[in-house]
Amino acid sequence: MVTPWSASVPVTAGSRSRVHRAGGRARNAGDDPAATAFHERAARLAAEQSHRPAQQFAETGLALGARHRGDLDTAEKLLLPWLDFNRRFGVDSGTALILAQLGYVAEQRGDAARAEKLHREGLAVARTTGDERAVALALEGLAAARSLAGDHPHAARLLGTAARIRDAEGAPLPPAERTDTTRAEHRIRRALDDIAFKEAYAQEARA
């Protein structure tokens, strides 16, 4: 089936970046099949052109889609080589992003300890980048891990702190990227009443 996305972007060697951007737009629009198709095409083009950073972007997009579909083994398989790649070349921004995604894989598997370990490592790396959005992402992941472990007040503080960072940066999460924070918030709200949640959310977290 031809989607509005696939009809608008020709798949040629010169269109790699356009294909990748189309995948991002499809993901933000909630069109997972189109996003997956575009990221697969972008990854193939990048591999053919030996453009490793572009291949990483595309395969990270594929991993995100796989993770949101619950295909955690595929997500992890896609992510692990890029963790090694970023560490080997000292790319802290990429390392922080991949650690966040791997932390969510662990959390979705129910492994709170591993999820927290990965998100704390990601937070430490994110803080070296100067990118407050990367810090917010790590805090959101840590909130998910702490909520899974049953530390709901701390998890609420982490979510609130991350949201305030994003607001200060003018970079709120788009609706299509709120799956992870929504999952954590629902878990917290099942344990805390509305007043307790709001009080904790308004406090700054010490990660």
N, C-alpha and C. Protein backbone atom coordinates (compact mmCIF):
# COMPACT_ATOMS: atom_id res chain seq x y z
N MET A 1 0.85 -1.20 0.00
CA MET A 1 0.00 0.00 0.00
C MET A 1 0.88 1.25 0.00
N VAL A 2 0.56 2.20 -0.82
CA VAL A 2 1.31 3.45 -0.89
C VAL A 2 0.70 4.44 0.10
N THR A 3 1.50 4.88 1.06
CA THR A 3 1.03 5.85 2.04
C THR A 3 1.32 7.25 1.52
N PRO A 4 0.72 8.30 2.12
CA PRO A 4 1.06 9.67 1.73
C PRO A 4 2.55 9.94 1.88
N TRP A 5 3.17 9.28 2.88
CA TRP A 5 4.62 9.50 3.07
C TRP A 5 5.41 8.90 1.92
N SER A 6 5.12 7.63 1.60
CA SER A 6 5.93 6.95 0.59
C SER A 6 5.71 7.53 -0.79
N ALA A 7 4.58 8.17 -1.01
CA ALA A 7 4.32 8.76 -2.32
C ALA A 7 5.12 10.03 -2.54
N SER A 8 5.61 10.61 -1.45
CA SER A 8 6.20 11.94 -1.57
C SER A 8 7.72 11.95 -1.58
N VAL A 9 8.37 10.82 -1.32
CA VAL A 9 9.83 10.82 -1.21
C VAL A 9 10.42 9.77 -2.12
N PRO A 10 11.14 10.17 -3.17
CA PRO A 10 11.78 9.20 -4.03
C PRO A 10 12.96 8.55 -3.33
N VAL A 11 13.14 7.24 -3.51
CA VAL A 11 14.23 6.54 -2.85
C VAL A 11 15.40 6.43 -3.82
N THR A 12 16.30 7.39 -3.76
CA THR A 12 17.51 7.40 -4.57
C THR A 12 18.68 7.63 -3.64
N ALA A 13 19.88 7.41 -4.15
CA ALA A 13 21.07 7.57 -3.31
C ALA A 13 21.16 8.98 -2.74
N GLY A 14 20.72 9.96 -3.54
CA GLY A 14 20.81 11.34 -3.07
C GLY A 14 19.73 11.74 -2.10
N SER A 15 18.74 10.85 -1.87
CA SER A 15 17.61 11.23 -1.02
C SER A 15 17.72 10.65 0.38
N ARG A 16 18.90 10.16 0.76
CA ARG A 16 19.04 9.50 2.07
C ARG A 16 18.52 10.34 3.21
N SER A 17 18.94 11.60 3.26
CA SER A 17 18.52 12.44 4.38
C SER A 17 17.03 12.74 4.32
N ARG A 18 16.49 12.89 3.10
CA ARG A 18 15.05 13.13 2.98
C ARG A 18 14.25 11.91 3.43
N VAL A 19 14.75 10.72 3.09
CA VAL A 19 14.08 9.50 3.51
C VAL A 19 14.08 9.40 5.03
N HIS A 20 15.23 9.72 5.63
CA HIS A 20 15.31 9.66 7.09
C HIS A 20 14.35 10.66 7.73
N ARG A 21 14.32 11.89 7.21
CA ARG A 21 13.41 12.90 7.78
C ARG A 21 11.96 12.47 7.61
N ALA A 22 11.66 11.84 6.47
CA ALA A 22 10.30 11.35 6.26
C ALA A 22 9.94 10.29 7.29
N GLY A 23 10.92 9.45 7.63
CA GLY A 23 10.69 8.46 8.68
C GLY A 23 10.38 9.11 10.01
N GLY A 24 11.11 10.17 10.33
CA GLY A 24 10.84 10.89 11.56
C GLY A 24 9.47 11.53 11.57
N ARG A 25 9.07 12.10 10.43
CA ARG A 25 7.74 12.71 10.35
C ARG A 25 6.64 11.65 10.50
N ALA A 26 6.86 10.51 9.86
CA ALA A 26 5.88 9.43 9.97
C ALA A 26 5.79 8.93 11.41
N ARG A 27 6.94 8.82 12.07
CA ARG A 27 6.94 8.38 13.47
C ARG A 27 6.17 9.37 14.33
N ASN A 28 6.42 10.66 14.13
CA ASN A 28 5.74 11.68 14.93
C ASN A 28 4.24 11.73 14.63
N ALA A 29 3.87 11.30 13.43
CA ALA A 29 2.45 11.26 13.07
C ALA A 29 1.78 9.97 13.55
N GLY A 30 2.56 9.07 14.15
CA GLY A 30 2.00 7.82 14.64
C GLY A 30 1.82 6.76 13.57
N ASP A 31 2.47 6.93 12.42
CA ASP A 31 2.36 5.96 11.32
C ASP A 31 3.56 5.02 11.38
N ASP A 32 3.46 4.00 12.23
CA ASP A 32 4.59 3.11 12.43
C ASP A 32 5.00 2.34 11.18
N PRO A 33 4.05 1.79 10.40
CA PRO A 33 4.49 1.06 9.19
C PRO A 33 5.27 1.94 8.22
N ALA A 34 4.80 3.18 8.01
CA ALA A 34 5.52 4.07 7.10
C ALA A 34 6.87 4.45 7.68
N ALA A 35 6.91 4.74 8.97
CA ALA A 35 8.18 5.10 9.61
C ALA A 35 9.18 3.96 9.47
N THR A 36 8.73 2.75 9.72
CA THR A 36 9.62 1.59 9.60
C THR A 36 10.14 1.45 8.18
N ALA A 37 9.26 1.59 7.20
CA ALA A 37 9.68 1.47 5.80
C ALA A 37 10.72 2.52 5.44
N PHE A 38 10.50 3.75 5.88
CA PHE A 38 11.45 4.81 5.56
C PHE A 38 12.79 4.61 6.26
N HIS A 39 12.74 4.22 7.52
CA HIS A 39 14.00 4.00 8.24
C HIS A 39 14.77 2.82 7.64
N GLU A 40 14.07 1.79 7.21
CA GLU A 40 14.75 0.67 6.55
C GLU A 40 15.43 1.14 5.26
N ARG A 41 14.73 1.99 4.49
CA ARG A 41 15.31 2.50 3.25
C ARG A 41 16.50 3.41 3.54
N ALA A 42 16.35 4.25 4.55
CA ALA A 42 17.45 5.15 4.90
C ALA A 42 18.66 4.36 5.38
N ALA A 43 18.43 3.32 6.18
CA ALA A 43 19.55 2.49 6.65
C ALA A 43 20.25 1.80 5.49
N ARG A 44 19.46 1.32 4.53
CA ARG A 44 20.05 0.64 3.37
C ARG A 44 20.88 1.61 2.53
N LEU A 45 20.35 2.80 2.30
CA LEU A 45 21.09 3.81 1.54
C LEU A 45 22.37 4.20 2.26
N ALA A 46 22.28 4.39 3.57
CA ALA A 46 23.46 4.80 4.33
C ALA A 46 24.53 3.71 4.29
N ALA A 47 24.10 2.45 4.41
CA ALA A 47 25.06 1.35 4.35
C ALA A 47 25.73 1.28 2.98
N GLU A 48 24.93 1.48 1.93
CA GLU A 48 25.49 1.46 0.58
C GLU A 48 26.51 2.57 0.36
N GLN A 49 26.30 3.70 1.04
CA GLN A 49 27.19 4.86 0.91
C GLN A 49 28.26 4.89 2.00
N SER A 50 28.28 3.83 2.84
CA SER A 50 29.24 3.75 3.95
C SER A 50 29.18 4.98 4.84
N HIS A 51 27.98 5.48 5.08
CA HIS A 51 27.78 6.66 5.93
C HIS A 51 27.27 6.17 7.28
N ARG A 52 28.22 5.92 8.19
CA ARG A 52 27.88 5.29 9.46
C ARG A 52 26.96 6.14 10.34
N PRO A 53 27.21 7.45 10.49
CA PRO A 53 26.29 8.23 11.32
C PRO A 53 24.85 8.19 10.82
N ALA A 54 24.66 8.28 9.50
CA ALA A 54 23.31 8.22 8.94
C ALA A 54 22.70 6.83 9.16
N GLN A 55 23.52 5.80 9.06
CA GLN A 55 23.03 4.45 9.31
C GLN A 55 22.59 4.32 10.77
N GLN A 56 23.37 4.93 11.66
CA GLN A 56 22.99 4.89 13.08
C GLN A 56 21.64 5.57 13.31
N PHE A 57 21.45 6.76 12.73
CA PHE A 57 20.18 7.46 12.92
C PHE A 57 19.01 6.58 12.46
N ALA A 58 19.18 5.97 11.29
CA ALA A 58 18.09 5.17 10.73
C ALA A 58 17.83 3.93 11.58
N GLU A 59 18.89 3.26 12.00
CA GLU A 59 18.70 2.03 12.78
C GLU A 59 18.22 2.32 14.19
N THR A 60 18.56 3.49 14.73
CA THR A 60 18.00 3.88 16.01
C THR A 60 16.49 4.13 15.87
N GLY A 61 16.08 4.71 14.75
CA GLY A 61 14.66 4.87 14.48
C GLY A 61 13.95 3.53 14.37
N LEU A 62 14.60 2.57 13.72
CA LEU A 62 14.03 1.22 13.64
C LEU A 62 13.92 0.59 15.02
N ALA A 63 14.94 0.80 15.85
CA ALA A 63 14.93 0.24 17.21
C ALA A 63 13.81 0.84 18.04
N LEU A 64 13.61 2.15 17.88
CA LEU A 64 12.54 2.82 18.62
C LEU A 64 11.18 2.22 18.24
N GLY A 65 10.98 2.04 16.94
CA GLY A 65 9.72 1.44 16.50
C GLY A 65 9.55 0.02 17.02
N ALA A 66 10.63 -0.76 16.95
CA ALA A 66 10.56 -2.14 17.44
C ALA A 66 10.25 -2.16 18.93
N ARG A 67 10.88 -1.27 19.68
CA ARG A 67 10.65 -1.22 21.12
C ARG A 67 9.20 -0.87 21.43
N HIS A 68 8.65 0.09 20.72
CA HIS A 68 7.27 0.50 20.96
C HIS A 68 6.27 -0.59 20.53
N ARG A 69 6.69 -1.47 19.63
CA ARG A 69 5.84 -2.61 19.26
C ARG A 69 6.01 -3.78 20.22
N GLY A 70 6.96 -3.67 21.15
CA GLY A 70 7.22 -4.74 22.09
C GLY A 70 8.23 -5.76 21.60
N ASP A 71 8.87 -5.50 20.46
CA ASP A 71 9.88 -6.41 19.92
C ASP A 71 11.24 -6.01 20.50
N LEU A 72 11.44 -6.37 21.76
CA LEU A 72 12.59 -5.87 22.50
C LEU A 72 13.90 -6.51 22.05
N ASP A 73 13.85 -7.77 21.62
CA ASP A 73 15.07 -8.43 21.15
C ASP A 73 15.60 -7.74 19.90
N THR A 74 14.70 -7.40 18.98
CA THR A 74 15.13 -6.70 17.77
C THR A 74 15.69 -5.33 18.11
N ALA A 75 15.01 -4.62 19.00
CA ALA A 75 15.49 -3.29 19.39
C ALA A 75 16.90 -3.38 19.97
N GLU A 76 17.11 -4.32 20.87
CA GLU A 76 18.43 -4.45 21.49
C GLU A 76 19.49 -4.83 20.46
N LYS A 77 19.15 -5.73 19.55
CA LYS A 77 20.09 -6.15 18.51
C LYS A 77 20.51 -4.98 17.63
N LEU A 78 19.58 -4.08 17.35
CA LEU A 78 19.89 -2.90 16.54
C LEU A 78 20.74 -1.89 17.31
N LEU A 79 20.52 -1.79 18.62
CA LEU A 79 21.16 -0.73 19.41
C LEU A 79 22.58 -1.07 19.86
N LEU A 80 22.82 -2.31 20.23
CA LEU A 80 24.11 -2.64 20.85
C LEU A 80 25.33 -2.30 19.99
N PRO A 81 25.31 -2.57 18.67
CA PRO A 81 26.49 -2.20 17.88
C PRO A 81 26.77 -0.70 17.90
N TRP A 82 25.72 0.12 18.01
CA TRP A 82 25.91 1.57 18.00
C TRP A 82 26.41 2.08 19.35
N LEU A 83 26.14 1.36 20.42
CA LEU A 83 26.74 1.72 21.70
C LEU A 83 28.26 1.56 21.61
N ASP A 84 28.69 0.44 21.05
CA ASP A 84 30.12 0.21 20.87
C ASP A 84 30.72 1.25 19.93
N PHE A 85 30.04 1.56 18.84
CA PHE A 85 30.52 2.53 17.86
C PHE A 85 30.74 3.90 18.50
N ASN A 86 29.74 4.37 19.25
CA ASN A 86 29.85 5.70 19.86
C ASN A 86 30.92 5.75 20.94
N ARG A 87 31.02 4.70 21.71
CA ARG A 87 32.06 4.66 22.74
C ARG A 87 33.45 4.64 22.10
N ARG A 88 33.58 3.87 21.03
CA ARG A 88 34.89 3.75 20.39
C ARG A 88 35.37 5.07 19.83
N PHE A 89 34.44 5.87 19.32
CA PHE A 89 34.81 7.14 18.71
C PHE A 89 34.55 8.35 19.61
N GLY A 90 34.19 8.09 20.86
CA GLY A 90 34.02 9.17 21.82
C GLY A 90 32.87 10.11 21.51
N VAL A 91 31.79 9.58 20.94
CA VAL A 91 30.63 10.40 20.60
C VAL A 91 29.66 10.36 21.78
N ASP A 92 29.80 11.31 22.69
CA ASP A 92 29.01 11.26 23.91
C ASP A 92 27.51 11.42 23.66
N SER A 93 27.15 12.28 22.72
CA SER A 93 25.72 12.47 22.45
C SER A 93 25.08 11.17 21.97
N GLY A 94 25.77 10.47 21.09
CA GLY A 94 25.24 9.20 20.61
C GLY A 94 25.22 8.14 21.69
N THR A 95 26.27 8.12 22.52
CA THR A 95 26.33 7.16 23.62
C THR A 95 25.16 7.36 24.57
N ALA A 96 24.88 8.63 24.92
CA ALA A 96 23.77 8.92 25.83
C ALA A 96 22.44 8.46 25.25
N LEU A 97 22.24 8.71 23.96
CA LEU A 97 20.98 8.32 23.32
C LEU A 97 20.80 6.81 23.32
N ILE A 98 21.85 6.07 22.95
CA ILE A 98 21.74 4.62 22.87
C ILE A 98 21.55 4.03 24.26
N LEU A 99 22.24 4.56 25.26
CA LEU A 99 22.06 4.07 26.63
C LEU A 99 20.62 4.29 27.10
N ALA A 100 20.04 5.43 26.73
CA ALA A 100 18.64 5.67 27.10
C ALA A 100 17.73 4.63 26.47
N GLN A 101 17.94 4.34 25.20
CA GLN A 101 17.09 3.36 24.53
C GLN A 101 17.28 1.95 25.11
N LEU A 102 18.52 1.59 25.42
CA LEU A 102 18.78 0.28 26.02
C LEU A 102 18.19 0.22 27.44
N GLY A 103 18.22 1.34 28.15
CA GLY A 103 17.61 1.38 29.47
C GLY A 103 16.12 1.12 29.40
N TYR A 104 15.48 1.69 28.38
CA TYR A 104 14.04 1.44 28.21
C TYR A 104 13.77 -0.01 27.82
N VAL A 105 14.64 -0.60 27.03
CA VAL A 105 14.49 -2.02 26.71
C VAL A 105 14.48 -2.84 28.00
N ALA A 106 15.44 -2.55 28.88
CA ALA A 106 15.52 -3.29 30.15
C ALA A 106 14.28 -3.05 31.00
N GLU A 107 13.83 -1.82 31.05
CA GLU A 107 12.63 -1.50 31.84
C GLU A 107 11.41 -2.23 31.30
N GLN A 108 11.25 -2.25 29.99
CA GLN A 108 10.10 -2.93 29.40
C GLN A 108 10.17 -4.44 29.61
N ARG A 109 11.37 -4.96 29.82
CA ARG A 109 11.51 -6.38 30.15
C ARG A 109 11.25 -6.65 31.63
N GLY A 110 11.10 -5.59 32.41
CA GLY A 110 10.84 -5.76 33.83
C GLY A 110 12.09 -5.83 34.68
N ASP A 111 13.24 -5.48 34.13
CA ASP A 111 14.52 -5.55 34.84
C ASP A 111 14.86 -4.15 35.37
N ALA A 112 14.34 -3.83 36.54
CA ALA A 112 14.51 -2.48 37.09
C ALA A 112 15.98 -2.16 37.39
N ALA A 113 16.71 -3.13 37.91
CA ALA A 113 18.11 -2.88 38.28
C ALA A 113 18.95 -2.55 37.05
N ARG A 114 18.80 -3.35 36.00
CA ARG A 114 19.58 -3.08 34.77
C ARG A 114 19.13 -1.77 34.12
N ALA A 115 17.84 -1.52 34.13
CA ALA A 115 17.34 -0.27 33.56
C ALA A 115 17.94 0.92 34.29
N GLU A 116 17.96 0.87 35.60
CA GLU A 116 18.53 1.99 36.36
C GLU A 116 20.02 2.15 36.09
N LYS A 117 20.74 1.04 36.01
CA LYS A 117 22.18 1.09 35.73
C LYS A 117 22.44 1.79 34.39
N LEU A 118 21.70 1.39 33.36
CA LEU A 118 21.90 1.98 32.04
C LEU A 118 21.51 3.45 32.01
N HIS A 119 20.40 3.80 32.64
CA HIS A 119 19.97 5.19 32.63
C HIS A 119 20.90 6.08 33.46
N ARG A 120 21.43 5.56 34.56
CA ARG A 120 22.39 6.36 35.33
C ARG A 120 23.68 6.59 34.54
N GLU A 121 24.11 5.55 33.84
CA GLU A 121 25.29 5.71 32.98
C GLU A 121 24.99 6.73 31.88
N GLY A 122 23.80 6.64 31.30
CA GLY A 122 23.42 7.59 30.26
C GLY A 122 23.33 9.01 30.79
N LEU A 123 22.82 9.17 32.02
CA LEU A 123 22.73 10.50 32.62
C LEU A 123 24.11 11.10 32.82
N ALA A 124 25.05 10.29 33.30
CA ALA A 124 26.41 10.79 33.50
C ALA A 124 27.02 11.26 32.18
N VAL A 125 26.79 10.49 31.12
CA VAL A 125 27.33 10.88 29.81
C VAL A 125 26.60 12.11 29.28
N ALA A 126 25.28 12.14 29.43
CA ALA A 126 24.50 13.27 28.93
C ALA A 126 24.95 14.58 29.56
N ARG A 127 25.32 14.53 30.81
CA ARG A 127 25.74 15.76 31.50
C ARG A 127 27.06 16.31 30.96
N THR A 128 27.82 15.50 30.23
CA THR A 128 29.07 15.98 29.64
C THR A 128 28.84 16.65 28.29
N THR A 129 27.64 16.50 27.72
CA THR A 129 27.40 16.97 26.35
C THR A 129 26.99 18.43 26.28
N GLY A 130 26.48 18.98 27.38
CA GLY A 130 25.93 20.33 27.33
C GLY A 130 24.55 20.40 26.71
N ASP A 131 23.97 19.26 26.41
CA ASP A 131 22.65 19.19 25.80
C ASP A 131 21.63 18.85 26.89
N GLU A 132 20.86 19.84 27.30
CA GLU A 132 19.91 19.62 28.37
C GLU A 132 18.79 18.66 27.96
N ARG A 133 18.52 18.55 26.69
CA ARG A 133 17.50 17.59 26.24
C ARG A 133 17.97 16.16 26.47
N ALA A 134 19.27 15.93 26.31
CA ALA A 134 19.81 14.61 26.59
C ALA A 134 19.71 14.30 28.08
N VAL A 135 19.94 15.31 28.91
CA VAL A 135 19.79 15.13 30.35
C VAL A 135 18.34 14.80 30.69
N ALA A 136 17.40 15.52 30.08
CA ALA A 136 15.98 15.26 30.33
C ALA A 136 15.61 13.83 29.93
N LEU A 137 16.12 13.37 28.80
CA LEU A 137 15.82 12.02 28.36
C LEU A 137 16.32 10.99 29.37
N ALA A 138 17.51 11.21 29.89
CA ALA A 138 18.06 10.28 30.88
C ALA A 138 17.25 10.30 32.17
N LEU A 139 16.82 11.48 32.60
CA LEU A 139 16.00 11.59 33.81
C LEU A 139 14.66 10.89 33.61
N GLU A 140 14.08 11.03 32.43
CA GLU A 140 12.81 10.33 32.14
C GLU A 140 13.00 8.82 32.21
N GLY A 141 14.11 8.35 31.66
CA GLY A 141 14.39 6.92 31.72
C GLY A 141 14.60 6.45 33.14
N LEU A 142 15.31 7.25 33.92
CA LEU A 142 15.54 6.90 35.32
C LEU A 142 14.22 6.88 36.09
N ALA A 143 13.32 7.80 35.75
CA ALA A 143 12.00 7.81 36.38
C ALA A 143 11.26 6.50 36.09
N ALA A 144 11.35 6.03 34.85
CA ALA A 144 10.70 4.77 34.50
C ALA A 144 11.29 3.61 35.30
N ALA A 145 12.61 3.61 35.43
CA ALA A 145 13.27 2.54 36.18
C ALA A 145 12.89 2.58 37.66
N ARG A 146 12.88 3.78 38.25
CA ARG A 146 12.54 3.90 39.68
C ARG A 146 11.07 3.56 39.92
N SER A 147 10.20 3.91 38.99
CA SER A 147 8.79 3.54 39.17
C SER A 147 8.62 2.03 39.10
N LEU A 148 9.39 1.37 38.22
CA LEU A 148 9.33 -0.08 38.13
C LEU A 148 9.83 -0.72 39.43
N ALA A 149 10.81 -0.08 40.06
CA ALA A 149 11.36 -0.58 41.33
C ALA A 149 10.47 -0.27 42.52
N GLY A 150 9.43 0.54 42.32
CA GLY A 150 8.51 0.87 43.39
C GLY A 150 8.81 2.14 44.14
N ASP A 151 9.79 2.90 43.68
CA ASP A 151 10.14 4.18 44.33
C ASP A 151 9.35 5.29 43.64
N HIS A 152 8.06 5.34 43.90
CA HIS A 152 7.18 6.20 43.13
C HIS A 152 7.35 7.69 43.41
N PRO A 153 7.55 8.15 44.65
CA PRO A 153 7.77 9.58 44.85
C PRO A 153 9.02 10.09 44.13
N HIS A 154 10.11 9.33 44.21
CA HIS A 154 11.33 9.74 43.51
C HIS A 154 11.11 9.75 42.00
N ALA A 155 10.39 8.74 41.51
CA ALA A 155 10.11 8.69 40.08
C ALA A 155 9.31 9.91 39.64
N ALA A 156 8.34 10.32 40.45
CA ALA A 156 7.55 11.51 40.11
C ALA A 156 8.43 12.76 40.10
N ARG A 157 9.34 12.87 41.04
CA ARG A 157 10.26 14.03 41.07
C ARG A 157 11.14 14.05 39.82
N LEU A 158 11.60 12.88 39.41
CA LEU A 158 12.43 12.80 38.20
C LEU A 158 11.65 13.22 36.97
N LEU A 159 10.41 12.76 36.86
CA LEU A 159 9.58 13.15 35.71
C LEU A 159 9.36 14.66 35.69
N GLY A 160 9.06 15.23 36.85
CA GLY A 160 8.82 16.67 36.91
C GLY A 160 10.06 17.47 36.58
N THR A 161 11.20 17.03 37.08
CA THR A 161 12.46 17.72 36.79
C THR A 161 12.75 17.67 35.29
N ALA A 162 12.56 16.52 34.67
CA ALA A 162 12.79 16.39 33.23
C ALA A 162 11.85 17.30 32.44
N ALA A 163 10.60 17.35 32.84
CA ALA A 163 9.63 18.19 32.13
C ALA A 163 10.00 19.67 32.22
N ARG A 164 10.49 20.09 33.39
CA ARG A 164 10.88 21.50 33.54
C ARG A 164 12.12 21.82 32.71
N ILE A 165 13.02 20.87 32.59
CA ILE A 165 14.19 21.08 31.71
C ILE A 165 13.72 21.24 30.27
N ARG A 166 12.83 20.37 29.84
CA ARG A 166 12.33 20.46 28.46
C ARG A 166 11.60 21.78 28.23
N ASP A 167 10.81 22.21 29.20
CA ASP A 167 10.10 23.49 29.05
C ASP A 167 11.10 24.64 28.92
N ALA A 168 12.15 24.62 29.74
CA ALA A 168 13.15 25.68 29.70
C ALA A 168 13.89 25.71 28.36
N GLU A 169 14.03 24.55 27.75
CA GLU A 169 14.71 24.44 26.46
C GLU A 169 13.76 24.69 25.29
N GLY A 170 12.48 24.84 25.59
CA GLY A 170 11.50 24.98 24.50
C GLY A 170 11.40 23.73 23.66
N ALA A 171 11.58 22.58 24.31
CA ALA A 171 11.59 21.31 23.56
C ALA A 171 10.75 20.26 24.27
N PRO A 172 9.43 20.51 24.39
CA PRO A 172 8.57 19.49 25.00
C PRO A 172 8.52 18.24 24.13
N LEU A 173 8.25 17.11 24.76
CA LEU A 173 8.13 15.88 23.99
C LEU A 173 6.93 15.95 23.05
N PRO A 174 7.11 15.63 21.76
CA PRO A 174 5.94 15.54 20.89
C PRO A 174 5.07 14.36 21.32
N PRO A 175 3.78 14.42 21.02
CA PRO A 175 2.87 13.36 21.47
C PRO A 175 3.34 11.95 21.13
N ALA A 176 3.90 11.75 19.95
CA ALA A 176 4.30 10.40 19.53
C ALA A 176 5.48 9.87 20.33
N GLU A 177 6.19 10.73 21.06
CA GLU A 177 7.36 10.31 21.83
C GLU A 177 7.08 10.24 23.32
N ARG A 178 5.81 10.29 23.70
CA ARG A 178 5.46 10.30 25.13
C ARG A 178 5.11 8.92 25.67
N THR A 179 5.28 7.89 24.86
CA THR A 179 4.90 6.54 25.30
C THR A 179 5.62 6.15 26.58
N ASP A 180 6.91 6.42 26.65
CA ASP A 180 7.70 5.97 27.80
C ASP A 180 7.36 6.77 29.05
N THR A 181 7.24 8.08 28.92
CA THR A 181 6.91 8.89 30.09
C THR A 181 5.47 8.61 30.54
N THR A 182 4.58 8.37 29.60
CA THR A 182 3.20 8.04 29.95
C THR A 182 3.14 6.72 30.71
N ARG A 183 3.91 5.74 30.26
CA ARG A 183 3.94 4.44 30.95
C ARG A 183 4.43 4.62 32.39
N ALA A 184 5.49 5.41 32.56
CA ALA A 184 6.02 5.64 33.91
C ALA A 184 5.00 6.39 34.77
N GLU A 185 4.38 7.42 34.19
CA GLU A 185 3.42 8.20 34.96
C GLU A 185 2.22 7.36 35.38
N HIS A 186 1.73 6.51 34.50
CA HIS A 186 0.61 5.65 34.86
C HIS A 186 0.99 4.73 36.02
N ARG A 187 2.21 4.21 35.97
CA ARG A 187 2.66 3.32 37.04
C ARG A 187 2.73 4.08 38.37
N ILE A 188 3.23 5.32 38.33
CA ILE A 188 3.33 6.14 39.54
C ILE A 188 1.95 6.48 40.08
N ARG A 189 1.05 6.88 39.18
CA ARG A 189 -0.28 7.30 39.62
C ARG A 189 -1.11 6.15 40.19
N ARG A 190 -0.77 4.93 39.82
CA ARG A 190 -1.45 3.79 40.44
C ARG A 190 -1.05 3.62 41.90
N ALA A 191 0.12 4.18 42.25
CA ALA A 191 0.62 4.05 43.63
C ALA A 191 0.39 5.29 44.47
N LEU A 192 0.34 6.47 43.85
CA LEU A 192 0.19 7.73 44.58
C LEU A 192 -1.16 8.35 44.25
N ASP A 193 -1.77 9.01 45.24
CA ASP A 193 -2.97 9.76 44.91
C ASP A 193 -2.57 11.05 44.18
N ASP A 194 -3.56 11.76 43.68
CA ASP A 194 -3.29 12.91 42.83
C ASP A 194 -2.49 13.98 43.56
N ILE A 195 -2.83 14.23 44.83
CA ILE A 195 -2.11 15.27 45.59
C ILE A 195 -0.66 14.87 45.79
N ALA A 196 -0.43 13.61 46.18
CA ALA A 196 0.94 13.15 46.41
C ALA A 196 1.76 13.19 45.13
N PHE A 197 1.13 12.82 44.02
CA PHE A 197 1.84 12.86 42.74
C PHE A 197 2.24 14.30 42.39
N LYS A 198 1.29 15.22 42.49
CA LYS A 198 1.58 16.60 42.11
C LYS A 198 2.63 17.23 43.02
N GLU A 199 2.58 16.91 44.31
CA GLU A 199 3.59 17.45 45.23
C GLU A 199 4.98 16.95 44.87
N ALA A 200 5.09 15.65 44.60
CA ALA A 200 6.39 15.09 44.24
C ALA A 200 6.86 15.63 42.89
N TYR A 201 5.95 15.71 41.93
CA TYR A 201 6.29 16.17 40.57
C TYR A 201 6.84 17.59 40.60
N ALA A 202 6.36 18.41 41.55
CA ALA A 202 6.79 19.81 41.62
C ALA A 202 8.15 19.99 42.27
N GLN A 203 8.67 18.93 42.87
CA GLN A 203 9.96 19.02 43.56
C GLN A 203 11.11 18.65 42.62
N GLU A 204 12.26 19.26 42.85
CA GLU A 204 13.45 18.91 42.06
C GLU A 204 14.00 17.58 42.54
N ALA A 205 14.43 16.77 41.59
CA ALA A 205 14.94 15.44 41.93
C ALA A 205 16.46 15.45 42.03
N ARG A 206 16.94 14.69 42.96
CA ARG A 206 18.37 14.39 43.02
C ARG A 206 18.58 13.02 42.43
N ALA A 207 19.11 13.01 41.22
CA ALA A 207 19.28 11.72 40.55
C ALA A 207 20.47 10.96 41.13
